[in-house]
Amino acid sequence: MIIKHKFRDHKISNQTKILIIGTFNPDAVKNEATFFYGRSRNFLWSLLPKVFDEESLKNKNIGAKLEFINNYRIDFVDLIAEIEIEEGKENNYSDEYIDCKVSRWNNIIDIIKNNPIKEVYFTRKTFANIKNIKDKISSIEKYCINNKIKFSYLDTPARYENKEKLKSWKDAFRR
């Protein structure tokens, strides 16, 4: 069965200066996210505003999040557009599981080429058991380096937030 990205209709703003790349957000019944990084166990909406000395948007509505990203010229995209999986596995969000199930990748390099992006961040630092994702992000990193676009890996915003994770995010953004 084919599972598409939940926010497949999202268009990157042509004002985007900062692009944050994730892996995949499935359009599955149990996925409660209303926007990128919107699942309850993801803390991007707490971490990212704090990088800019703003208050957490973790439990705020989509309008507040869109206002924030528009103000800071930030936008989001995921590496994977769709996966092909076995029936009953549509709620398996594990990168290790979906890495070999990709049926269509997003063309991130074209997105970067066609927008005034100055900084690119990937929300993962480790690549055990996800060779395909690693290969895709490595090619994006290489493109950024060759074109003098800042590229950085972020500690995953998933599972928890603490002072060390916030510090690593601030260090990555250098704000």
C-alpha atoms as a PDB file:
ATOM      1  CA  MET A   1       0.000   0.000   0.000  1.00  0.00           C
ATOM      2  CA  ILE A   2       1.182   3.522  -0.813  1.00  0.00           C
ATOM      3  CA  ILE A   3       1.358   6.105   2.009  1.00  0.00           C
ATOM      4  CA  LYS A   4       1.864   9.700   0.922  1.00  0.00           C
ATOM      5  CA  HIS A   5       3.330  12.557   2.930  1.00  0.00           C
ATOM      6  CA  LYS A   6       0.672  14.174   5.100  1.00  0.00           C
ATOM      7  CA  PHE A   7       1.631  17.705   4.042  1.00  0.00           C
ATOM      8  CA  ARG A   8       2.299  16.930   0.389  1.00  0.00           C
ATOM      9  CA  ASP A   9       0.424  20.059  -0.706  1.00  0.00           C
ATOM     10  CA  HIS A  10       2.650  22.374   1.354  1.00  0.00           C
ATOM     11  CA  LYS A  11       4.522  24.812  -0.885  1.00  0.00           C
ATOM     12  CA  ILE A  12       7.841  26.276   0.231  1.00  0.00           C
ATOM     13  CA  SER A  13       7.601  30.050   0.549  1.00  0.00           C
ATOM     14  CA  ASN A  14       9.688  31.884  -2.052  1.00  0.00           C
ATOM     15  CA  GLN A  15      10.911  34.070   0.849  1.00  0.00           C
ATOM     16  CA  THR A  16      12.509  31.120   2.655  1.00  0.00           C
ATOM     17  CA  LYS A  17      16.036  31.705   3.931  1.00  0.00           C
ATOM     18  CA  ILE A  18      16.158  28.779   6.399  1.00  0.00           C
ATOM     19  CA  LEU A  19      15.078  25.296   5.308  1.00  0.00           C
ATOM     20  CA  ILE A  20      14.579  22.560   7.877  1.00  0.00           C
ATOM     21  CA  ILE A  21      14.544  19.023   6.482  1.00  0.00           C
ATOM     22  CA  GLY A  22      12.979  16.023   8.165  1.00  0.00           C
ATOM     23  CA  THR A  23      12.397  12.491   6.947  1.00  0.00           C
ATOM     24  CA  PHE A  24       8.679  11.637   6.581  1.00  0.00           C
ATOM     25  CA  ASN A  25       5.275  12.474   8.047  1.00  0.00           C
ATOM     26  CA  PRO A  26       2.782   9.815   6.935  1.00  0.00           C
ATOM     27  CA  ASP A  27      -0.781  10.575   5.940  1.00  0.00           C
ATOM     28  CA  ALA A  28      -2.107   7.935   8.317  1.00  0.00           C
ATOM     29  CA  VAL A  29      -5.249   7.882  10.446  1.00  0.00           C
ATOM     30  CA  LYS A  30      -3.393   7.853  13.782  1.00  0.00           C
ATOM     31  CA  ASN A  31      -1.079  10.735  12.827  1.00  0.00           C
ATOM     32  CA  GLU A  32      -2.461  13.676  14.823  1.00  0.00           C
ATOM     33  CA  ALA A  33      -0.031  16.267  13.396  1.00  0.00           C
ATOM     34  CA  THR A  34      -1.642  19.356  11.871  1.00  0.00           C
ATOM     35  CA  PHE A  35       1.677  20.653  10.495  1.00  0.00           C
ATOM     36  CA  PHE A  36       5.323  19.620  10.258  1.00  0.00           C
ATOM     37  CA  TYR A  37       6.736  18.337  13.570  1.00  0.00           C
ATOM     38  CA  GLY A  38       3.277  18.428  15.083  1.00  0.00           C
ATOM     39  CA  ARG A  39       3.069  15.038  16.762  1.00  0.00           C
ATOM     40  CA  SER A  40       2.859  15.145  20.561  1.00  0.00           C
ATOM     41  CA  ARG A  41       6.282  13.552  21.086  1.00  0.00           C
ATOM     42  CA  ASN A  42       8.055  16.092  18.904  1.00  0.00           C
ATOM     43  CA  PHE A  43       9.499  19.236  20.482  1.00  0.00           C
ATOM     44  CA  LEU A  44      10.575  21.280  17.443  1.00  0.00           C
ATOM     45  CA  TRP A  45       7.845  23.828  18.195  1.00  0.00           C
ATOM     46  CA  SER A  46       9.345  24.349  21.625  1.00  0.00           C
ATOM     47  CA  LEU A  47      13.026  24.298  20.603  1.00  0.00           C
ATOM     48  CA  LEU A  48      12.962  26.372  17.423  1.00  0.00           C
ATOM     49  CA  PRO A  49      11.223  29.466  18.840  1.00  0.00           C
ATOM     50  CA  LYS A  50      13.610  29.428  21.818  1.00  0.00           C
ATOM     51  CA  VAL A  51      16.562  29.545  19.399  1.00  0.00           C
ATOM     52  CA  PHE A  52      15.168  32.932  18.355  1.00  0.00           C
ATOM     53  CA  ASP A  53      14.406  33.971  21.955  1.00  0.00           C
ATOM     54  CA  GLU A  54      10.687  33.474  21.450  1.00  0.00           C
ATOM     55  CA  GLU A  55       8.310  31.482  23.639  1.00  0.00           C
ATOM     56  CA  SER A  56       7.385  27.901  22.851  1.00  0.00           C
ATOM     57  CA  LEU A  57       4.759  27.249  20.207  1.00  0.00           C
ATOM     58  CA  LYS A  58       4.402  23.562  21.147  1.00  0.00           C
ATOM     59  CA  ASN A  59       0.722  23.780  22.045  1.00  0.00           C
ATOM     60  CA  LYS A  60      -0.175  26.725  19.823  1.00  0.00           C
ATOM     61  CA  ASN A  61      -2.401  26.621  16.768  1.00  0.00           C
ATOM     62  CA  ILE A  62      -1.192  26.398  13.196  1.00  0.00           C
ATOM     63  CA  GLY A  63      -1.727  30.133  12.681  1.00  0.00           C
ATOM     64  CA  ALA A  64       0.835  31.001  15.367  1.00  0.00           C
ATOM     65  CA  LYS A  65       3.319  28.563  13.850  1.00  0.00           C
ATOM     66  CA  LEU A  66       2.835  29.943  10.337  1.00  0.00           C
ATOM     67  CA  GLU A  67       3.269  33.498  11.623  1.00  0.00           C
ATOM     68  CA  PHE A  68       6.535  32.476  13.304  1.00  0.00           C
ATOM     69  CA  ILE A  69       7.983  30.781  10.215  1.00  0.00           C
ATOM     70  CA  ASN A  70       6.934  33.670   7.985  1.00  0.00           C
ATOM     71  CA  ASN A  71       8.545  36.200  10.352  1.00  0.00           C
ATOM     72  CA  TYR A  72      11.831  34.277  10.420  1.00  0.00           C
ATOM     73  CA  ARG A  73      11.679  33.088   6.788  1.00  0.00           C
ATOM     74  CA  ILE A  74      11.807  29.438   7.819  1.00  0.00           C
ATOM     75  CA  ASP A  75      10.144  26.582   6.006  1.00  0.00           C
ATOM     76  CA  PHE A  76      10.011  22.800   6.119  1.00  0.00           C
ATOM     77  CA  VAL A  77      10.305  19.876   3.770  1.00  0.00           C
ATOM     78  CA  ASP A  78      10.815  16.157   4.249  1.00  0.00           C
ATOM     79  CA  LEU A  79      13.122  13.914   2.241  1.00  0.00           C
ATOM     80  CA  ILE A  80      10.423  11.376   1.505  1.00  0.00           C
ATOM     81  CA  ALA A  81       7.288  12.044  -0.554  1.00  0.00           C
ATOM     82  CA  GLU A  82       5.771   8.561  -0.287  1.00  0.00           C
ATOM     83  CA  ILE A  83       6.454   5.039   0.847  1.00  0.00           C
ATOM     84  CA  GLU A  84       5.134   1.632  -0.148  1.00  0.00           C
ATOM     85  CA  ILE A  85       4.486  -0.576   2.853  1.00  0.00           C
ATOM     86  CA  GLU A  86       2.689  -3.674   3.991  1.00  0.00           C
ATOM     87  CA  GLU A  87      -0.963  -3.358   5.059  1.00  0.00           C
ATOM     88  CA  GLY A  88      -1.177  -2.617   8.784  1.00  0.00           C
ATOM     89  CA  LYS A  89       2.216  -0.852   8.978  1.00  0.00           C
ATOM     90  CA  GLU A  90       0.909   2.646   8.163  1.00  0.00           C
ATOM     91  CA  ASN A  91       1.572   3.918  11.679  1.00  0.00           C
ATOM     92  CA  ASN A  92       5.189   2.799  11.797  1.00  0.00           C
ATOM     93  CA  TYR A  93       7.035   6.142  11.764  1.00  0.00           C
ATOM     94  CA  SER A  94      10.484   4.640  12.351  1.00  0.00           C
ATOM     95  CA  ASP A  95      13.150   5.900   9.942  1.00  0.00           C
ATOM     96  CA  GLU A  96      14.752   2.439  10.147  1.00  0.00           C
ATOM     97  CA  TYR A  97      11.519   0.909   8.837  1.00  0.00           C
ATOM     98  CA  ILE A  98      10.711   3.456   6.130  1.00  0.00           C
ATOM     99  CA  ASP A  99      14.290   3.812   4.807  1.00  0.00           C
ATOM    100  CA  CYS A 100      13.898   0.847   2.462  1.00  0.00           C
ATOM    101  CA  LYS A 101      10.203   1.497   1.738  1.00  0.00           C
ATOM    102  CA  VAL A 102      10.596   4.783  -0.156  1.00  0.00           C
ATOM    103  CA  SER A 103       8.766   4.836  -3.481  1.00  0.00           C
ATOM    104  CA  ARG A 104       9.323   8.573  -4.140  1.00  0.00           C
ATOM    105  CA  TRP A 105      11.819  11.088  -2.763  1.00  0.00           C
ATOM    106  CA  ASN A 106      11.319  14.853  -2.731  1.00  0.00           C
ATOM    107  CA  ASN A 107      13.851  16.743  -4.838  1.00  0.00           C
ATOM    108  CA  ILE A 108      15.330  18.881  -2.075  1.00  0.00           C
ATOM    109  CA  ILE A 109      18.211  20.174  -4.188  1.00  0.00           C
ATOM    110  CA  ASP A 110      15.740  21.666  -6.683  1.00  0.00           C
ATOM    111  CA  ILE A 111      13.894  23.324  -3.801  1.00  0.00           C
ATOM    112  CA  ILE A 112      17.156  24.838  -2.573  1.00  0.00           C
ATOM    113  CA  LYS A 113      18.142  25.931  -6.110  1.00  0.00           C
ATOM    114  CA  ASN A 114      14.795  27.633  -6.710  1.00  0.00           C
ATOM    115  CA  ASN A 115      14.585  29.611  -3.466  1.00  0.00           C
ATOM    116  CA  PRO A 116      16.817  32.178  -1.729  1.00  0.00           C
ATOM    117  CA  ILE A 117      17.854  29.637   0.922  1.00  0.00           C
ATOM    118  CA  LYS A 118      20.958  30.526   2.934  1.00  0.00           C
ATOM    119  CA  GLU A 119      20.808  27.854   5.658  1.00  0.00           C
ATOM    120  CA  VAL A 120      19.753  24.182   5.624  1.00  0.00           C
ATOM    121  CA  TYR A 121      19.255  22.026   8.714  1.00  0.00           C
ATOM    122  CA  PHE A 122      18.529  18.320   8.947  1.00  0.00           C
ATOM    123  CA  THR A 123      16.739  17.112  12.079  1.00  0.00           C
ATOM    124  CA  ARG A 124      18.877  14.070  12.683  1.00  0.00           C
ATOM    125  CA  LYS A 125      22.545  13.396  13.455  1.00  0.00           C
ATOM    126  CA  THR A 126      22.732   9.597  13.417  1.00  0.00           C
ATOM    127  CA  PHE A 127      22.356   7.249  10.461  1.00  0.00           C
ATOM    128  CA  ALA A 128      22.522   3.676  11.763  1.00  0.00           C
ATOM    129  CA  ASN A 129      20.328   1.394   9.653  1.00  0.00           C
ATOM    130  CA  ILE A 130      19.140   4.191   7.331  1.00  0.00           C
ATOM    131  CA  LYS A 131      21.572   4.026   4.406  1.00  0.00           C
ATOM    132  CA  ASN A 132      19.174   5.479   1.817  1.00  0.00           C
ATOM    133  CA  ILE A 133      18.285   8.484   3.976  1.00  0.00           C
ATOM    134  CA  LYS A 134      21.986   8.990   4.719  1.00  0.00           C
ATOM    135  CA  ASP A 135      22.841   8.919   1.006  1.00  0.00           C
ATOM    136  CA  LYS A 136      20.108  11.458   0.168  1.00  0.00           C
ATOM    137  CA  ILE A 137      21.070  13.875   2.925  1.00  0.00           C
ATOM    138  CA  SER A 138      24.771  13.511   2.066  1.00  0.00           C
ATOM    139  CA  SER A 139      24.079  14.644  -1.501  1.00  0.00           C
ATOM    140  CA  ILE A 140      22.125  17.648  -0.174  1.00  0.00           C
ATOM    141  CA  GLU A 141      24.954  18.503   2.219  1.00  0.00           C
ATOM    142  CA  LYS A 142      27.472  18.298  -0.624  1.00  0.00           C
ATOM    143  CA  TYR A 143      25.333  20.560  -2.801  1.00  0.00           C
ATOM    144  CA  CYS A 144      25.071  23.106   0.029  1.00  0.00           C
ATOM    145  CA  ILE A 145      28.808  23.078   0.699  1.00  0.00           C
ATOM    146  CA  ASN A 146      29.603  23.478  -3.022  1.00  0.00           C
ATOM    147  CA  ASN A 147      27.201  26.427  -3.222  1.00  0.00           C
ATOM    148  CA  LYS A 148      28.243  28.154   0.016  1.00  0.00           C
ATOM    149  CA  ILE A 149      24.947  27.435   1.751  1.00  0.00           C
ATOM    150  CA  LYS A 150      25.228  26.700   5.451  1.00  0.00           C
ATOM    151  CA  PHE A 151      24.364  23.080   6.245  1.00  0.00           C
ATOM    152  CA  SER A 152      24.033  21.674   9.751  1.00  0.00           C
ATOM    153  CA  TYR A 153      22.707  18.604  11.546  1.00  0.00           C
ATOM    154  CA  LEU A 154      20.363  19.134  14.488  1.00  0.00           C
ATOM    155  CA  ASP A 155      19.711  16.821  17.402  1.00  0.00           C
ATOM    156  CA  THR A 156      16.357  15.210  16.713  1.00  0.00           C
ATOM    157  CA  PRO A 157      13.487  17.227  18.188  1.00  0.00           C
ATOM    158  CA  ALA A 158      11.653  13.952  18.891  1.00  0.00           C
ATOM    159  CA  ARG A 159      11.020  12.306  22.257  1.00  0.00           C
ATOM    160  CA  TYR A 160      12.203  14.997  24.682  1.00  0.00           C
ATOM    161  CA  GLU A 161      13.510  18.506  25.222  1.00  0.00           C
ATOM    162  CA  ASN A 162      16.182  19.506  27.725  1.00  0.00           C
ATOM    163  CA  LYS A 163      18.795  22.235  28.257  1.00  0.00           C
ATOM    164  CA  GLU A 164      21.498  20.300  26.408  1.00  0.00           C
ATOM    165  CA  LYS A 165      19.336  19.804  23.330  1.00  0.00           C
ATOM    166  CA  LEU A 166      18.337  23.472  23.330  1.00  0.00           C
ATOM    167  CA  LYS A 167      21.999  24.494  23.631  1.00  0.00           C
ATOM    168  CA  SER A 168      22.941  22.258  20.694  1.00  0.00           C
ATOM    169  CA  TRP A 169      20.179  23.847  18.594  1.00  0.00           C
ATOM    170  CA  LYS A 170      21.295  27.347  19.530  1.00  0.00           C
ATOM    171  CA  ASP A 171      24.889  26.408  18.695  1.00  0.00           C
ATOM    172  CA  ALA A 172      23.811  25.026  15.313  1.00  0.00           C
ATOM    173  CA  PHE A 173      21.867  28.181  14.454  1.00  0.00           C
ATOM    174  CA  ARG A 174      24.504  30.394  16.187  1.00  0.00           C
ATOM    175  CA  ARG A 175      21.917  32.832  17.468  1.00  0.00           C
END
